Amino acid sequence: LQATGTRIGLKPGERLSAGDLLAATVVRSANDACRALAEHLGGSVKTFVQAMNGRAFMLGLADTKFADPCGHDREGQYSSATDLVRLAEVLSMVQPFEKHALEANVNTWLQANELPMKKVAQPARVAITGRTRSPGLFEVMEVLGREKTLDRLRRGAEIAAAAEQPSV
C-alpha cells in the first residue's frame, strides 16, 4: 500500500476488519488504513474518491471536491467553511461533552456523510487549537468545553468563509 504520513504499518496481504481499518483511520490518522479501506469499499482509490464526490454533491456541498480519500492536499481538492459549520452543529448536540462521546458522535456523523476524518480534522484542529499538530483533538475539545470549542469552530468557519470571498 502506498501511503505517506502517519501509518500503522500494513503489510501486503494483511487482513483487518473494516471496523479496525476505520478506527485506525479515524483515531490514528493512519493513511495506509485509509487507503486500504478506500480500496476495499470502492474497489479502487479512484472509484472511492468518485463516490465521495457523488455523496458531497448529494449533500449539497457545492464547494467541495475530493481528490484523495485520506485528506491529503492534492491539486483540485478543496472545500468551503461549510464543513466546519456542520461539524459545529453536530458537536453542539453531543451529550456529555467528553472525549468518548465527542469521538463517537463525530465518527457516526462522518460515516453517515461518508466523509474521511482527515477532511474535517485538520481544519477543526487549526480552528480549535490554532496549531496544525496538537495532542488528541477530542481531548483538547473536552478540556476547552462545549462553548469554547464551538466558538472556535464558528470563528474558524468565519475566517475560512472570509478567505473564500473574492477581494475587491
C-alpha atoms as a PDB file:
ATOM      1  CA  LEU A   1       0.000   0.000   0.000  1.00  0.00           C
ATOM      2  CA  GLN A   2       1.387   3.374  -0.981  1.00  0.00           C
ATOM      3  CA  ALA A   3       0.758   5.753   1.862  1.00  0.00           C
ATOM      4  CA  THR A   4       2.658   8.663   3.304  1.00  0.00           C
ATOM      5  CA  GLY A   5       2.401  10.389   6.653  1.00  0.00           C
ATOM      6  CA  THR A   6       1.067   8.512   9.655  1.00  0.00           C
ATOM      7  CA  ARG A   7       0.727   4.759   9.117  1.00  0.00           C
ATOM      8  CA  ILE A   8       0.035   1.626  11.130  1.00  0.00           C
ATOM      9  CA  GLY A   9       2.426  -0.419   9.004  1.00  0.00           C
ATOM     10  CA  LEU A  10       0.039  -2.579   6.993  1.00  0.00           C
ATOM     11  CA  LYS A  11       1.792  -5.298   5.018  1.00  0.00           C
ATOM     12  CA  PRO A  12       0.647  -6.541   1.581  1.00  0.00           C
ATOM     13  CA  GLY A  13      -1.929  -9.278   2.076  1.00  0.00           C
ATOM     14  CA  GLU A  14      -2.536  -8.415   5.731  1.00  0.00           C
ATOM     15  CA  ARG A  15      -6.215  -8.671   6.643  1.00  0.00           C
ATOM     16  CA  LEU A  16      -8.029  -6.421   9.102  1.00  0.00           C
ATOM     17  CA  SER A  17     -11.735  -5.836   9.614  1.00  0.00           C
ATOM     18  CA  ALA A  18     -13.279  -2.738   8.064  1.00  0.00           C
ATOM     19  CA  GLY A  19     -14.047  -1.574  11.626  1.00  0.00           C
ATOM     20  CA  ASP A  20     -10.376  -1.878  12.623  1.00  0.00           C
ATOM     21  CA  LEU A  21      -9.301  -0.018   9.475  1.00  0.00           C
ATOM     22  CA  LEU A  22     -11.846   2.715  10.176  1.00  0.00           C
ATOM     23  CA  ALA A  23     -10.668   3.015  13.788  1.00  0.00           C
ATOM     24  CA  ALA A  24      -7.026   3.256  12.632  1.00  0.00           C
ATOM     25  CA  THR A  25      -8.033   5.880  10.071  1.00  0.00           C
ATOM     26  CA  VAL A  26     -10.095   7.985  12.464  1.00  0.00           C
ATOM     27  CA  VAL A  27      -8.213   7.616  15.727  1.00  0.00           C
ATOM     28  CA  ARG A  28      -4.610   7.298  14.487  1.00  0.00           C
ATOM     29  CA  SER A  29      -4.929   9.144  11.149  1.00  0.00           C
ATOM     30  CA  ALA A  30      -3.358   6.062   9.563  1.00  0.00           C
ATOM     31  CA  ASN A  31      -3.104   6.730   5.849  1.00  0.00           C
ATOM     32  CA  ASP A  32      -2.332   3.117   4.934  1.00  0.00           C
ATOM     33  CA  ALA A  33      -5.539   2.040   6.709  1.00  0.00           C
ATOM     34  CA  CYS A  34      -7.455   4.820   4.951  1.00  0.00           C
ATOM     35  CA  ARG A  35      -6.213   3.700   1.537  1.00  0.00           C
ATOM     36  CA  ALA A  36      -6.942   0.036   2.296  1.00  0.00           C
ATOM     37  CA  LEU A  37     -10.465   0.963   3.373  1.00  0.00           C
ATOM     38  CA  ALA A  38     -10.987   3.075   0.250  1.00  0.00           C
ATOM     39  CA  GLU A  39      -9.798   0.215  -1.961  1.00  0.00           C
ATOM     40  CA  HIS A  40     -11.993  -2.266  -0.100  1.00  0.00           C
ATOM     41  CA  LEU A  41     -15.134  -0.134  -0.226  1.00  0.00           C
ATOM     42  CA  GLY A  42     -14.660   1.377  -3.681  1.00  0.00           C
ATOM     43  CA  GLY A  43     -12.733  -1.321  -5.482  1.00  0.00           C
ATOM     44  CA  SER A  44     -10.014   1.282  -6.075  1.00  0.00           C
ATOM     45  CA  VAL A  45      -8.963   4.587  -4.559  1.00  0.00           C
ATOM     46  CA  LYS A  46     -10.097   6.405  -7.726  1.00  0.00           C
ATOM     47  CA  THR A  47     -13.579   4.847  -7.598  1.00  0.00           C
ATOM     48  CA  PHE A  48     -13.877   5.602  -3.887  1.00  0.00           C
ATOM     49  CA  VAL A  49     -12.968   9.266  -4.474  1.00  0.00           C
ATOM     50  CA  GLN A  50     -15.608   9.432  -7.217  1.00  0.00           C
ATOM     51  CA  ALA A  51     -18.152   8.067  -4.737  1.00  0.00           C
ATOM     52  CA  MET A  52     -17.062  10.656  -2.153  1.00  0.00           C
ATOM     53  CA  ASN A  53     -17.649  13.422  -4.699  1.00  0.00           C
ATOM     54  CA  GLY A  54     -21.058  11.990  -5.564  1.00  0.00           C
ATOM     55  CA  ARG A  55     -22.030  11.931  -1.898  1.00  0.00           C
ATOM     56  CA  ALA A  56     -20.762  15.500  -1.419  1.00  0.00           C
ATOM     57  CA  PHE A  57     -22.947  16.596  -4.333  1.00  0.00           C
ATOM     58  CA  MET A  58     -25.969  14.793  -2.863  1.00  0.00           C
ATOM     59  CA  LEU A  59     -25.363  16.573   0.457  1.00  0.00           C
ATOM     60  CA  GLY A  60     -25.382  19.919  -1.303  1.00  0.00           C
ATOM     61  CA  LEU A  61     -21.693  20.585  -0.745  1.00  0.00           C
ATOM     62  CA  ALA A  62     -21.331  22.689  -3.853  1.00  0.00           C
ATOM     63  CA  ASP A  63     -17.875  23.974  -2.860  1.00  0.00           C
ATOM     64  CA  THR A  64     -16.334  20.617  -2.030  1.00  0.00           C
ATOM     65  CA  LYS A  65     -14.340  18.344  -4.314  1.00  0.00           C
ATOM     66  CA  PHE A  66     -12.232  15.405  -3.234  1.00  0.00           C
ATOM     67  CA  ALA A  67      -9.088  14.165  -4.952  1.00  0.00           C
ATOM     68  CA  ASP A  68      -7.723  11.979  -2.129  1.00  0.00           C
ATOM     69  CA  PRO A  69      -9.685   9.732   0.250  1.00  0.00           C
ATOM     70  CA  CYS A  70      -7.355  10.407   3.182  1.00  0.00           C
ATOM     71  CA  GLY A  71      -7.497  14.199   3.086  1.00  0.00           C
ATOM     72  CA  HIS A  72      -4.012  14.813   1.704  1.00  0.00           C
ATOM     73  CA  ASP A  73      -3.541  18.046  -0.184  1.00  0.00           C
ATOM     74  CA  ARG A  74      -3.993  17.312  -3.857  1.00  0.00           C
ATOM     75  CA  GLU A  75      -4.466  19.543  -6.860  1.00  0.00           C
ATOM     76  CA  GLY A  76      -8.183  20.008  -7.441  1.00  0.00           C
ATOM     77  CA  GLN A  77      -9.196  19.112  -3.875  1.00  0.00           C
ATOM     78  CA  TYR A  78     -10.966  21.853  -1.965  1.00  0.00           C
ATOM     79  CA  SER A  79     -13.801  22.588   0.406  1.00  0.00           C
ATOM     80  CA  SER A  80     -15.576  25.553   1.938  1.00  0.00           C
ATOM     81  CA  ALA A  81     -16.107  26.585   5.527  1.00  0.00           C
ATOM     82  CA  THR A  82     -19.473  24.824   5.435  1.00  0.00           C
ATOM     83  CA  ASP A  83     -17.997  21.597   6.807  1.00  0.00           C
ATOM     84  CA  LEU A  84     -16.733  23.364   9.942  1.00  0.00           C
ATOM     85  CA  VAL A  85     -20.208  24.797  10.469  1.00  0.00           C
ATOM     86  CA  ARG A  86     -21.754  21.347  10.070  1.00  0.00           C
ATOM     87  CA  LEU A  87     -19.206  19.860  12.454  1.00  0.00           C
ATOM     88  CA  ALA A  88     -20.055  22.558  14.995  1.00  0.00           C
ATOM     89  CA  GLU A  89     -23.745  21.681  14.624  1.00  0.00           C
ATOM     90  CA  VAL A  90     -23.030  18.003  15.275  1.00  0.00           C
ATOM     91  CA  LEU A  91     -20.813  18.772  18.257  1.00  0.00           C
ATOM     92  CA  SER A  92     -23.389  21.086  19.787  1.00  0.00           C
ATOM     93  CA  MET A  93     -25.674  18.084  20.282  1.00  0.00           C
ATOM     94  CA  VAL A  94     -23.128  15.794  21.954  1.00  0.00           C
ATOM     95  CA  GLN A  95     -24.083  14.791  25.488  1.00  0.00           C
ATOM     96  CA  PRO A  96     -21.998  14.635  27.640  1.00  0.00           C
ATOM     97  CA  PHE A  97     -19.277  16.833  26.136  1.00  0.00           C
ATOM     98  CA  GLU A  98     -16.489  14.352  26.875  1.00  0.00           C
ATOM     99  CA  LYS A  99     -13.801  12.720  24.752  1.00  0.00           C
ATOM    100  CA  HIS A 100     -15.537   9.377  24.204  1.00  0.00           C
ATOM    101  CA  ALA A 101     -18.906  10.950  23.391  1.00  0.00           C
ATOM    102  CA  LEU A 102     -17.330  13.553  21.089  1.00  0.00           C
ATOM    103  CA  GLU A 103     -15.339  10.914  19.242  1.00  0.00           C
ATOM    104  CA  ALA A 104     -18.319   8.568  18.894  1.00  0.00           C
ATOM    105  CA  ASN A 105     -20.647  11.314  17.646  1.00  0.00           C
ATOM    106  CA  VAL A 106     -18.143  12.723  15.167  1.00  0.00           C
ATOM    107  CA  ASN A 107     -17.338   9.226  13.860  1.00  0.00           C
ATOM    108  CA  THR A 108     -21.054   8.489  13.428  1.00  0.00           C
ATOM    109  CA  TRP A 109     -21.544  11.782  11.581  1.00  0.00           C
ATOM    110  CA  LEU A 110     -18.528  11.147   9.347  1.00  0.00           C
ATOM    111  CA  GLN A 111     -19.756   7.668   8.468  1.00  0.00           C
ATOM    112  CA  ALA A 112     -23.302   8.875   7.775  1.00  0.00           C
ATOM    113  CA  ASN A 113     -21.946  11.558   5.455  1.00  0.00           C
ATOM    114  CA  GLU A 114     -19.243   9.296   4.031  1.00  0.00           C
ATOM    115  CA  LEU A 115     -16.527  11.808   4.862  1.00  0.00           C
ATOM    116  CA  PRO A 116     -12.956  10.958   5.875  1.00  0.00           C
ATOM    117  CA  MET A 117     -11.823  12.251   9.257  1.00  0.00           C
ATOM    118  CA  LYS A 118      -8.825  13.906   7.618  1.00  0.00           C
ATOM    119  CA  LYS A 119     -11.154  16.192   5.677  1.00  0.00           C
ATOM    120  CA  VAL A 120     -12.502  17.823   8.808  1.00  0.00           C
ATOM    121  CA  ALA A 121      -9.820  17.044  11.396  1.00  0.00           C
ATOM    122  CA  GLN A 122      -7.148  19.454  10.194  1.00  0.00           C
ATOM    123  CA  PRO A 123      -9.428  22.485   9.729  1.00  0.00           C
ATOM    124  CA  ALA A 124     -11.077  21.694  13.072  1.00  0.00           C
ATOM    125  CA  ARG A 125      -7.689  21.235  14.785  1.00  0.00           C
ATOM    126  CA  VAL A 126      -6.468  24.592  13.491  1.00  0.00           C
ATOM    127  CA  ALA A 127      -9.731  26.335  14.413  1.00  0.00           C
ATOM    128  CA  ILE A 128      -9.781  24.839  17.916  1.00  0.00           C
ATOM    129  CA  THR A 129      -6.088  24.804  18.887  1.00  0.00           C
ATOM    130  CA  GLY A 130      -4.515  27.289  16.492  1.00  0.00           C
ATOM    131  CA  ARG A 131      -1.946  24.631  15.525  1.00  0.00           C
ATOM    132  CA  THR A 132      -1.589  22.136  12.717  1.00  0.00           C
ATOM    133  CA  ARG A 133      -0.361  19.488  15.163  1.00  0.00           C
ATOM    134  CA  SER A 134      -1.727  19.018  18.631  1.00  0.00           C
ATOM    135  CA  PRO A 135      -2.425  16.343  21.171  1.00  0.00           C
ATOM    136  CA  GLY A 136      -5.633  14.378  20.653  1.00  0.00           C
ATOM    137  CA  LEU A 137      -8.246  16.669  19.158  1.00  0.00           C
ATOM    138  CA  PHE A 138     -11.084  15.220  21.227  1.00  0.00           C
ATOM    139  CA  GLU A 139      -9.109  15.570  24.472  1.00  0.00           C
ATOM    140  CA  VAL A 140      -8.453  19.239  23.645  1.00  0.00           C
ATOM    141  CA  MET A 141     -12.155  19.742  22.932  1.00  0.00           C
ATOM    142  CA  GLU A 142     -13.096  18.163  26.261  1.00  0.00           C
ATOM    143  CA  VAL A 143     -10.672  20.405  28.163  1.00  0.00           C
ATOM    144  CA  LEU A 144     -11.859  23.551  26.380  1.00  0.00           C
ATOM    145  CA  GLY A 145     -15.502  22.662  26.927  1.00  0.00           C
ATOM    146  CA  ARG A 146     -18.538  22.976  24.703  1.00  0.00           C
ATOM    147  CA  GLU A 147     -18.791  26.758  24.397  1.00  0.00           C
ATOM    148  CA  LYS A 148     -15.110  27.472  23.714  1.00  0.00           C
ATOM    149  CA  THR A 149     -14.876  24.582  21.240  1.00  0.00           C
ATOM    150  CA  LEU A 150     -17.984  25.704  19.355  1.00  0.00           C
ATOM    151  CA  ASP A 151     -16.908  29.349  19.450  1.00  0.00           C
ATOM    152  CA  ARG A 152     -13.518  28.438  17.987  1.00  0.00           C
ATOM    153  CA  LEU A 153     -15.085  26.267  15.277  1.00  0.00           C
ATOM    154  CA  ARG A 154     -17.528  29.027  14.342  1.00  0.00           C
ATOM    155  CA  ARG A 155     -14.743  31.619  14.282  1.00  0.00           C
ATOM    156  CA  GLY A 156     -12.603  29.292  12.136  1.00  0.00           C
ATOM    157  CA  ALA A 157     -15.519  28.884   9.738  1.00  0.00           C
ATOM    158  CA  GLU A 158     -15.987  32.673   9.579  1.00  0.00           C
ATOM    159  CA  ILE A 159     -12.290  33.189   8.801  1.00  0.00           C
ATOM    160  CA  ALA A 160     -12.361  30.467   6.141  1.00  0.00           C
ATOM    161  CA  ALA A 161     -15.537  31.911   4.609  1.00  0.00           C
ATOM    162  CA  ALA A 162     -13.992  35.398   4.512  1.00  0.00           C
ATOM    163  CA  ALA A 163     -10.892  33.992   2.835  1.00  0.00           C
ATOM    164  CA  GLU A 164     -13.098  32.390   0.166  1.00  0.00           C
ATOM    165  CA  GLN A 165     -14.696  35.715  -0.771  1.00  0.00           C
ATOM    166  CA  PRO A 166     -13.177  37.422  -3.804  1.00  0.00           C
ATOM    167  CA  SER A 167     -11.199  40.507  -2.891  1.00  0.00           C
ATOM    168  CA  VAL A 168     -12.410  43.825  -4.227  1.00  0.00           C
END
